C-alpha atoms as a PDB file:
ATOM      1  CA  MET A   1     -29.572 -18.723  20.975  1.00  0.00           C
ATOM      2  CA  PRO A   2     -26.590 -19.700  23.179  1.00  0.00           C
ATOM      3  CA  LEU A   3     -23.284 -17.981  22.557  1.00  0.00           C
ATOM      4  CA  LEU A   4     -20.340 -19.760  21.007  1.00  0.00           C
ATOM      5  CA  PRO A   5     -17.811 -20.963  23.595  1.00  0.00           C
ATOM      6  CA  PRO A   6     -14.845 -18.734  24.373  1.00  0.00           C
ATOM      7  CA  SER A   7     -11.307 -19.578  23.355  1.00  0.00           C
ATOM      8  CA  ARG A   8      -9.617 -21.941  25.761  1.00  0.00           C
ATOM      9  CA  THR A   9      -7.225 -24.859  26.133  1.00  0.00           C
ATOM     10  CA  GLU A  10      -8.830 -28.133  27.229  1.00  0.00           C
ATOM     11  CA  PRO A  11      -7.323 -30.531  29.823  1.00  0.00           C
ATOM     12  CA  ASP A  12      -6.472 -33.001  27.019  1.00  0.00           C
ATOM     13  CA  GLY A  13      -4.387 -30.356  25.227  1.00  0.00           C
ATOM     14  CA  SER A  14      -6.945 -29.596  22.520  1.00  0.00           C
ATOM     15  CA  ALA A  15      -7.681 -25.953  21.769  1.00  0.00           C
ATOM     16  CA  VAL A  16     -11.054 -24.273  21.333  1.00  0.00           C
ATOM     17  CA  ILE A  17     -10.549 -21.372  18.941  1.00  0.00           C
ATOM     18  CA  ARG A  18     -12.805 -18.799  17.310  1.00  0.00           C
ATOM     19  CA  VAL A  19     -12.346 -18.145  13.591  1.00  0.00           C
ATOM     20  CA  LEU A  20     -13.913 -15.275  11.643  1.00  0.00           C
ATOM     21  CA  SER A  21     -14.147 -15.021   7.850  1.00  0.00           C
ATOM     22  CA  TYR A  22     -15.057 -11.620   6.414  1.00  0.00           C
ATOM     23  CA  ASN A  23     -15.072  -9.865   3.023  1.00  0.00           C
ATOM     24  CA  ILE A  24     -14.148  -6.269   3.916  1.00  0.00           C
ATOM     25  CA  ARG A  25     -14.469  -4.648   0.462  1.00  0.00           C
ATOM     26  CA  SER A  26     -11.026  -3.023   0.511  1.00  0.00           C
ATOM     27  CA  LEU A  27     -11.978  -0.901   3.543  1.00  0.00           C
ATOM     28  CA  ARG A  28     -14.204   1.289   1.374  1.00  0.00           C
ATOM     29  CA  ASP A  29     -16.938   1.493   3.995  1.00  0.00           C
ATOM     30  CA  ASP A  30     -17.058   2.327   7.726  1.00  0.00           C
ATOM     31  CA  THR A  31     -13.771   0.983   9.078  1.00  0.00           C
ATOM     32  CA  ALA A  32     -14.657   1.883  12.671  1.00  0.00           C
ATOM     33  CA  ALA A  33     -17.817  -0.234  12.424  1.00  0.00           C
ATOM     34  CA  LEU A  34     -15.794  -3.026  10.826  1.00  0.00           C
ATOM     35  CA  ALA A  35     -13.250  -2.989  13.655  1.00  0.00           C
ATOM     36  CA  ARG A  36     -16.032  -3.073  16.237  1.00  0.00           C
ATOM     37  CA  VAL A  37     -17.608  -6.139  14.602  1.00  0.00           C
ATOM     38  CA  ILE A  38     -14.285  -7.996  14.435  1.00  0.00           C
ATOM     39  CA  GLY A  39     -13.347  -7.091  17.995  1.00  0.00           C
ATOM     40  CA  ALA A  40     -16.745  -8.084  19.409  1.00  0.00           C
ATOM     41  CA  CYS A  41     -16.421 -11.550  17.870  1.00  0.00           C
ATOM     42  CA  ALA A  42     -13.212 -12.131  19.898  1.00  0.00           C
ATOM     43  CA  PRO A  43     -11.556 -14.231  17.176  1.00  0.00           C
ATOM     44  CA  ASP A  44      -8.235 -16.038  17.387  1.00  0.00           C
ATOM     45  CA  LEU A  45      -7.978 -15.979  13.590  1.00  0.00           C
ATOM     46  CA  VAL A  46      -9.518 -13.563  11.075  1.00  0.00           C
ATOM     47  CA  LEU A  47      -9.624 -14.706   7.447  1.00  0.00           C
ATOM     48  CA  LEU A  48     -10.172 -11.626   5.307  1.00  0.00           C
ATOM     49  CA  GLN A  49     -11.120 -11.214   1.671  1.00  0.00           C
ATOM     50  CA  GLU A  50     -10.742  -8.010  -0.341  1.00  0.00           C
ATOM     51  CA  ALA A  51      -8.144  -6.643   2.042  1.00  0.00           C
ATOM     52  CA  PRO A  52      -6.431  -3.486   0.738  1.00  0.00           C
ATOM     53  CA  ARG A  53      -4.114  -4.256  -2.201  1.00  0.00           C
ATOM     54  CA  PHE A  54      -2.876  -0.955  -3.521  1.00  0.00           C
ATOM     55  CA  PHE A  55      -1.622   2.405  -2.167  1.00  0.00           C
ATOM     56  CA  ARG A  56      -0.306   2.020   1.427  1.00  0.00           C
ATOM     57  CA  TRP A  57      -2.162  -1.276   1.786  1.00  0.00           C
ATOM     58  CA  ARG A  58       0.134  -2.575   4.530  1.00  0.00           C
ATOM     59  CA  LYS A  59      -0.499   0.463   6.707  1.00  0.00           C
ATOM     60  CA  LYS A  60      -4.269   0.247   6.170  1.00  0.00           C
ATOM     61  CA  LEU A  61      -4.348  -3.437   7.073  1.00  0.00           C
ATOM     62  CA  ALA A  62      -2.180  -2.852  10.150  1.00  0.00           C
ATOM     63  CA  ARG A  63      -4.518  -0.099  11.336  1.00  0.00           C
ATOM     64  CA  LEU A  64      -7.535  -2.400  11.025  1.00  0.00           C
ATOM     65  CA  ALA A  65      -5.704  -5.142  12.907  1.00  0.00           C
ATOM     66  CA  ALA A  66      -4.728  -2.811  15.739  1.00  0.00           C
ATOM     67  CA  ALA A  67      -8.225  -1.320  15.992  1.00  0.00           C
ATOM     68  CA  SER A  68      -9.791  -4.781  16.260  1.00  0.00           C
ATOM     69  CA  GLY A  69      -7.299  -6.301  18.708  1.00  0.00           C
ATOM     70  CA  GLN A  70      -5.370  -8.358  16.151  1.00  0.00           C
ATOM     71  CA  VAL A  71      -2.008  -8.436  14.406  1.00  0.00           C
ATOM     72  CA  VAL A  72      -1.356  -8.967  10.701  1.00  0.00           C
ATOM     73  CA  LEU A  73      -0.235 -12.513  10.008  1.00  0.00           C
ATOM     74  CA  THR A  74       0.019 -12.555   6.203  1.00  0.00           C
ATOM     75  CA  GLY A  75      -1.652 -11.582   2.942  1.00  0.00           C
ATOM     76  CA  GLY A  76      -3.170  -8.444   1.481  1.00  0.00           C
ATOM     77  CA  GLY A  77      -1.543  -7.097  -1.656  1.00  0.00           C
ATOM     78  CA  THR A  78       0.869 -10.032  -1.858  1.00  0.00           C
ATOM     79  CA  ALA A  79      -2.062 -12.474  -2.065  1.00  0.00           C
ATOM     80  CA  ALA A  80      -4.253 -10.293  -4.332  1.00  0.00           C
ATOM     81  CA  GLY A  81      -6.721  -9.600  -1.530  1.00  0.00           C
ATOM     82  CA  PRO A  82      -7.004 -12.496   0.960  1.00  0.00           C
ATOM     83  CA  ALA A  83      -5.307 -11.880   4.303  1.00  0.00           C
ATOM     84  CA  ILE A  84      -5.062 -13.454   7.739  1.00  0.00           C
ATOM     85  CA  LEU A  85      -5.047 -11.654  11.085  1.00  0.00           C
ATOM     86  CA  CYS A  86      -4.511 -13.355  14.426  1.00  0.00           C
ATOM     87  CA  GLY A  87      -4.525 -12.748  18.144  1.00  0.00           C
ATOM     88  CA  LEU A  88      -1.482 -13.075  20.362  1.00  0.00           C
ATOM     89  CA  ARG A  89      -2.597 -16.545  21.454  1.00  0.00           C
ATOM     90  CA  ALA A  90      -1.426 -17.969  18.124  1.00  0.00           C
ATOM     91  CA  THR A  91       2.143 -19.128  17.591  1.00  0.00           C
ATOM     92  CA  VAL A  92       3.081 -18.779  13.933  1.00  0.00           C
ATOM     93  CA  GLU A  93       5.123 -21.533  12.291  1.00  0.00           C
ATOM     94  CA  GLN A  94       5.012 -20.374   8.679  1.00  0.00           C
ATOM     95  CA  THR A  95       3.174 -18.159   6.203  1.00  0.00           C
ATOM     96  CA  GLU A  96       2.926 -18.130   2.420  1.00  0.00           C
ATOM     97  CA  ASP A  97       0.992 -15.986  -0.024  1.00  0.00           C
ATOM     98  CA  VAL A  98       0.076 -17.644  -3.310  1.00  0.00           C
ATOM     99  CA  LEU A  99      -0.898 -15.908  -6.554  1.00  0.00           C
ATOM    100  CA  LEU A 100      -3.142 -17.994  -8.797  1.00  0.00           C
ATOM    101  CA  PRO A 101      -2.901 -18.164 -12.606  1.00  0.00           C
ATOM    102  CA  LEU A 102      -4.289 -15.035 -14.221  1.00  0.00           C
ATOM    103  CA  THR A 103      -7.101 -15.358 -16.743  1.00  0.00           C
ATOM    104  CA  PRO A 104      -6.937 -12.440 -19.223  1.00  0.00           C
ATOM    105  CA  GLY A 105      -9.719  -9.967 -18.566  1.00  0.00           C
ATOM    106  CA  LEU A 106     -10.419 -11.219 -15.030  1.00  0.00           C
ATOM    107  CA  HIS A 107      -9.169 -10.108 -11.620  1.00  0.00           C
ATOM    108  CA  ARG A 108      -6.033 -11.669 -10.182  1.00  0.00           C
ATOM    109  CA  ARG A 109      -6.778 -14.057  -7.326  1.00  0.00           C
ATOM    110  CA  GLY A 110      -4.676 -15.635  -4.607  1.00  0.00           C
ATOM    111  CA  PHE A 111      -4.553 -17.471  -1.282  1.00  0.00           C
ATOM    112  CA  ALA A 112      -3.198 -16.315   2.062  1.00  0.00           C
ATOM    113  CA  THR A 113      -1.951 -19.339   4.006  1.00  0.00           C
ATOM    114  CA  ALA A 114      -0.320 -20.063   7.344  1.00  0.00           C
ATOM    115  CA  VAL A 115       0.448 -22.785   9.845  1.00  0.00           C
ATOM    116  CA  VAL A 116      -0.181 -21.811  13.464  1.00  0.00           C
ATOM    117  CA  ARG A 117      -0.219 -23.467  16.868  1.00  0.00           C
ATOM    118  CA  PHE A 118      -2.423 -22.948  19.885  1.00  0.00           C
ATOM    119  CA  GLY A 119      -0.496 -24.783  22.575  1.00  0.00           C
ATOM    120  CA  ASP A 120      -0.238 -28.382  21.391  1.00  0.00           C
ATOM    121  CA  ALA A 121      -2.883 -27.929  18.682  1.00  0.00           C
ATOM    122  CA  ARG A 122      -1.465 -27.307  15.193  1.00  0.00           C
ATOM    123  CA  LEU A 123      -3.585 -25.870  12.387  1.00  0.00           C
ATOM    124  CA  GLY A 124      -3.266 -25.011   8.703  1.00  0.00           C
ATOM    125  CA  VAL A 125      -5.115 -21.849   7.676  1.00  0.00           C
ATOM    126  CA  LEU A 126      -6.199 -20.633   4.233  1.00  0.00           C
ATOM    127  CA  SER A 127      -8.153 -17.532   3.215  1.00  0.00           C
ATOM    128  CA  CYS A 128      -9.573 -17.347  -0.310  1.00  0.00           C
ATOM    129  CA  HIS A 129     -11.745 -15.264  -2.614  1.00  0.00           C
ATOM    130  CA  LEU A 130     -12.786 -17.317  -5.620  1.00  0.00           C
ATOM    131  CA  SER A 131     -13.560 -16.026  -9.089  1.00  0.00           C
ATOM    132  CA  LEU A 132     -16.877 -14.731 -10.362  1.00  0.00           C
ATOM    133  CA  ASN A 133     -16.257 -16.815 -13.493  1.00  0.00           C
ATOM    134  CA  GLU A 134     -17.587 -20.361 -13.033  1.00  0.00           C
ATOM    135  CA  LYS A 135     -14.894 -22.123 -15.065  1.00  0.00           C
ATOM    136  CA  GLU A 136     -12.059 -20.271 -13.350  1.00  0.00           C
ATOM    137  CA  ARG A 137     -13.726 -20.810  -9.971  1.00  0.00           C
ATOM    138  CA  ARG A 138     -13.790 -24.586 -10.490  1.00  0.00           C
ATOM    139  CA  THR A 139     -10.080 -24.560 -11.305  1.00  0.00           C
ATOM    140  CA  GLN A 140      -9.359 -22.465  -8.221  1.00  0.00           C
ATOM    141  CA  GLY A 141     -11.319 -24.910  -6.063  1.00  0.00           C
ATOM    142  CA  GLY A 142      -8.964 -27.690  -7.124  1.00  0.00           C
ATOM    143  CA  LEU A 143      -5.917 -25.494  -6.497  1.00  0.00           C
ATOM    144  CA  LEU A 144      -7.289 -24.673  -3.048  1.00  0.00           C
ATOM    145  CA  LEU A 145      -7.491 -28.348  -2.107  1.00  0.00           C
ATOM    146  CA  ASP A 146      -3.983 -28.926  -3.449  1.00  0.00           C
ATOM    147  CA  ARG A 147      -2.614 -25.981  -1.466  1.00  0.00           C
ATOM    148  CA  LEU A 148      -4.381 -27.138   1.690  1.00  0.00           C
ATOM    149  CA  ALA A 149      -2.779 -30.573   1.376  1.00  0.00           C
ATOM    150  CA  ALA A 150       0.612 -28.939   0.775  1.00  0.00           C
ATOM    151  CA  LEU A 151       0.453 -27.219   4.172  1.00  0.00           C
ATOM    152  CA  GLY A 152       1.211 -30.613   5.661  1.00  0.00           C
ATOM    153  CA  THR A 153      -1.060 -30.297   8.705  1.00  0.00           C
ATOM    154  CA  GLU A 154      -3.494 -32.922   9.919  1.00  0.00           C
ATOM    155  CA  HIS A 155      -6.041 -30.230  10.765  1.00  0.00           C
ATOM    156  CA  ALA A 156      -6.906 -27.103   8.811  1.00  0.00           C
ATOM    157  CA  VAL A 157      -9.515 -24.393   8.377  1.00  0.00           C
ATOM    158  CA  VAL A 158     -10.511 -22.584   5.163  1.00  0.00           C
ATOM    159  CA  GLY A 159     -12.510 -19.381   5.053  1.00  0.00           C
ATOM    160  CA  GLY A 160     -13.588 -17.329   2.127  1.00  0.00           C
ATOM    161  CA  ASP A 161     -15.937 -15.627  -0.257  1.00  0.00           C
ATOM    162  CA  LEU A 162     -16.723 -18.406  -2.722  1.00  0.00           C
ATOM    163  CA  ASN A 163     -18.892 -16.267  -5.032  1.00  0.00           C
ATOM    164  CA  GLU A 164     -21.153 -19.310  -5.186  1.00  0.00           C
ATOM    165  CA  ARG A 165     -24.056 -20.790  -3.244  1.00  0.00           C
ATOM    166  CA  PRO A 166     -23.906 -24.248  -1.602  1.00  0.00           C
ATOM    167  CA  THR A 167     -25.594 -25.800  -4.655  1.00  0.00           C
ATOM    168  CA  GLY A 168     -22.700 -24.720  -6.885  1.00  0.00           C
ATOM    169  CA  ARG A 169     -20.188 -27.238  -8.196  1.00  0.00           C
ATOM    170  CA  THR A 170     -17.138 -25.727  -6.517  1.00  0.00           C
ATOM    171  CA  PHE A 171     -18.892 -25.275  -3.163  1.00  0.00           C
ATOM    172  CA  GLN A 172     -20.051 -28.889  -3.321  1.00  0.00           C
ATOM    173  CA  ARG A 173     -16.585 -30.120  -4.242  1.00  0.00           C
ATOM    174  CA  LEU A 174     -15.109 -28.432  -1.189  1.00  0.00           C
ATOM    175  CA  SER A 175     -17.903 -29.851   0.978  1.00  0.00           C
ATOM    176  CA  GLU A 176     -17.119 -33.396  -0.149  1.00  0.00           C
ATOM    177  CA  GLY A 177     -13.768 -33.541   1.633  1.00  0.00           C
ATOM    178  CA  LEU A 178     -14.186 -30.744   4.174  1.00  0.00           C
ATOM    179  CA  GLN A 179     -16.795 -29.948   6.789  1.00  0.00           C
ATOM    180  CA  ASP A 180     -18.991 -27.009   5.797  1.00  0.00           C
ATOM    181  CA  GLY A 181     -19.247 -25.194   9.126  1.00  0.00           C
ATOM    182  CA  TRP A 182     -22.833 -23.979   8.766  1.00  0.00           C
ATOM    183  CA  ALA A 183     -24.117 -27.335   7.499  1.00  0.00           C
ATOM    184  CA  THR A 184     -22.259 -29.203  10.266  1.00  0.00           C
ATOM    185  CA  ALA A 185     -23.216 -27.073  13.283  1.00  0.00           C
ATOM    186  CA  PRO A 186     -25.508 -24.183  12.312  1.00  0.00           C
ATOM    187  CA  TRP A 187     -25.485 -21.227  14.670  1.00  0.00           C
ATOM    188  CA  GLY A 188     -26.527 -17.611  14.227  1.00  0.00           C
ATOM    189  CA  GLY A 189     -27.577 -16.507  10.765  1.00  0.00           C
ATOM    190  CA  GLU A 190     -27.129 -18.388   7.502  1.00  0.00           C
ATOM    191  CA  HIS A 191     -27.072 -15.851   4.677  1.00  0.00           C
ATOM    192  CA  THR A 192     -24.040 -13.620   4.190  1.00  0.00           C
ATOM    193  CA  SER A 193     -25.044 -11.425   1.249  1.00  0.00           C
ATOM    194  CA  THR A 194     -26.105  -8.693   1.454  1.00  0.00           C
ATOM    195  CA  PRO A 195     -26.226  -7.032   4.905  1.00  0.00           C
ATOM    196  CA  ALA A 196     -29.278  -4.986   3.890  1.00  0.00           C
ATOM    197  CA  ASP A 197     -31.043  -8.004   2.361  1.00  0.00           C
ATOM    198  CA  PRO A 198     -29.486 -11.320   3.459  1.00  0.00           C
ATOM    199  CA  HIS A 199     -30.716 -13.859   0.910  1.00  0.00           C
ATOM    200  CA  GLN A 200     -27.777 -16.059  -0.089  1.00  0.00           C
ATOM    201  CA  ARG A 201     -24.843 -17.872   1.498  1.00  0.00           C
ATOM    202  CA  ILE A 202     -21.736 -17.266  -0.598  1.00  0.00           C
ATOM    203  CA  ASP A 203     -19.225 -16.990   2.273  1.00  0.00           C
ATOM    204  CA  ALA A 204     -18.228 -20.026   4.314  1.00  0.00           C
ATOM    205  CA  LEU A 205     -15.839 -21.606   6.773  1.00  0.00           C
ATOM    206  CA  PHE A 206     -14.669 -25.178   6.197  1.00  0.00           C
ATOM    207  CA  ALA A 207     -12.697 -27.505   8.459  1.00  0.00           C
ATOM    208  CA  THR A 208     -10.891 -30.748   7.801  1.00  0.00           C
ATOM    209  CA  PRO A 209     -12.188 -34.010   9.293  1.00  0.00           C
ATOM    210  CA  GLY A 210     -11.067 -34.391  12.897  1.00  0.00           C
ATOM    211  CA  VAL A 211     -11.774 -30.762  13.773  1.00  0.00           C
ATOM    212  CA  GLU A 212     -14.923 -30.488  15.878  1.00  0.00           C
ATOM    213  CA  VAL A 213     -17.205 -27.675  14.688  1.00  0.00           C
ATOM    214  CA  LEU A 214     -18.957 -26.353  17.807  1.00  0.00           C
ATOM    215  CA  GLY A 215     -21.010 -23.766  15.937  1.00  0.00           C
ATOM    216  CA  CYS A 216     -20.787 -21.652  12.785  1.00  0.00           C
ATOM    217  CA  GLY A 217     -22.779 -18.826  11.245  1.00  0.00           C
ATOM    218  CA  VAL A 218     -23.334 -15.089  10.997  1.00  0.00           C
ATOM    219  CA  PRO A 219     -22.885 -13.601  14.514  1.00  0.00           C
ATOM    220  CA  LEU A 220     -26.200 -11.768  14.633  1.00  0.00           C
ATOM    221  CA  ASP A 221     -26.674 -12.163  18.401  1.00  0.00           C
ATOM    222  CA  GLN A 222     -23.038 -11.839  19.444  1.00  0.00           C
ATOM    223  CA  PRO A 223     -22.746  -9.227  22.222  1.00  0.00           C
ATOM    224  CA  GLY A 224     -21.276  -6.031  20.829  1.00  0.00           C
ATOM    225  CA  VAL A 225     -22.268  -6.810  17.236  1.00  0.00           C
ATOM    226  CA  THR A 226     -25.059  -4.482  16.129  1.00  0.00           C
ATOM    227  CA  GLU A 227     -27.170  -4.526  12.998  1.00  0.00           C
ATOM    228  CA  ALA A 228     -26.110  -0.940  12.308  1.00  0.00           C
ATOM    229  CA  ASP A 229     -22.423  -1.891  12.359  1.00  0.00           C
ATOM    230  CA  LEU A 230     -22.992  -4.971  10.195  1.00  0.00           C
ATOM    231  CA  ARG A 231     -24.717  -2.822   7.575  1.00  0.00           C
ATOM    232  CA  ALA A 232     -22.109  -0.062   7.721  1.00  0.00           C
ATOM    233  CA  ALA A 233     -18.947  -2.191   7.820  1.00  0.00           C
ATOM    234  CA  THR A 234     -18.929  -3.761   4.333  1.00  0.00           C
ATOM    235  CA  ASP A 235     -21.169  -5.405   1.721  1.00  0.00           C
ATOM    236  CA  HIS A 236     -20.933  -8.928   3.211  1.00  0.00           C
ATOM    237  CA  LEU A 237     -21.826 -10.391   6.589  1.00  0.00           C
ATOM    238  CA  PRO A 238     -19.113 -12.217   8.532  1.00  0.00           C
ATOM    239  CA  VAL A 239     -19.018 -15.914   9.377  1.00  0.00           C
ATOM    240  CA  LEU A 240     -17.894 -16.868  12.887  1.00  0.00           C
ATOM    241  CA  ALA A 241     -17.078 -20.401  14.040  1.00  0.00           C
ATOM    242  CA  ALA A 242     -15.916 -22.040  17.235  1.00  0.00           C
ATOM    243  CA  LEU A 243     -13.701 -25.047  16.552  1.00  0.00           C
ATOM    244  CA  ARG A 244     -12.038 -27.624  18.774  1.00  0.00           C
ATOM    245  CA  ILE A 245      -8.617 -28.570  17.400  1.00  0.00           C
ATOM    246  CA  PRO A 246      -7.032 -31.768  18.751  1.00  0.00           C
ATOM    247  CA  ALA A 247      -3.603 -31.708  20.307  1.00  0.00           C
ATOM    248  CA  ARG A 248      -1.042 -33.288  18.024  1.00  0.00           C
ATOM    249  CA  GLY A 249      -1.401 -37.055  18.083  1.00  0.00           C
ATOM    250  CA  ARG A 250      -4.695 -36.963  19.989  1.00  0.00           C
ATOM    251  CA  PRO A 251      -8.202 -37.242  18.508  1.00  0.00           C
ATOM    252  CA  VAL A 252     -10.950 -34.887  19.671  1.00  0.00           C
ATOM    253  CA  GLN A 253     -13.384 -36.499  22.108  1.00  0.00           C
ATOM    254  CA  GLN A 254     -16.838 -35.761  20.706  1.00  0.00           C
ATOM    255  CA  ALA A 255     -19.452 -34.661  23.214  1.00  0.00           C
ATOM    256  CA  ALA A 256     -22.138 -37.207  24.004  1.00  0.00           C
ATOM    257  CA  GLY A 257     -25.731 -36.529  23.054  1.00  0.00           C
END
């Protein structure tokens, strides 16, 4: 299978970027393997779920970022788990961590959000980890769409652990207005859970209309990503996408074929 294209700026000002979404289980597993996987994917943005939230969580997240060639953009404990890392290519315009309403007896959830630029291409970014409870998850799906609209960007990307398969109501609701990366341009592997027995897709990357999805899936054949590291790093598999983001005021020119 061909590799995803590298990050670059196109002659028309659009930006090709690589985005990784990954549930890292609070760094309870092999953090060296995790850093190797992230680094080998060469992402411009890393949308994390279950980032450290408690004792010295900022230091733990910073260490992971440094070990994988990234910097911490936002999130972690202040977003109840979701976080965003980025490479130095990104110019940050704003960040905001959002705590969602707490349902008694269930875990607190939140969103990590940002607006970034890659040259003339401007992008809203949201990392999420939706509830295990179906009713709460549906509510959070609506709040996610509201928050995405509130970023005020024409183009945006959402990555997260949805705790739901593509046939689920919340997953389908998100797919109605957003491009499901795997369904739009499948690349690599499909199933994200579990690394030892991949049998379901509960993690996904979505993009708004106007973003060109060049490929999206589990980076099984990415150079530097080994099966041993994927199994050791955490209890989910990552989702990697290459996206072409138009320059402001310019539509993406779709490839012929």
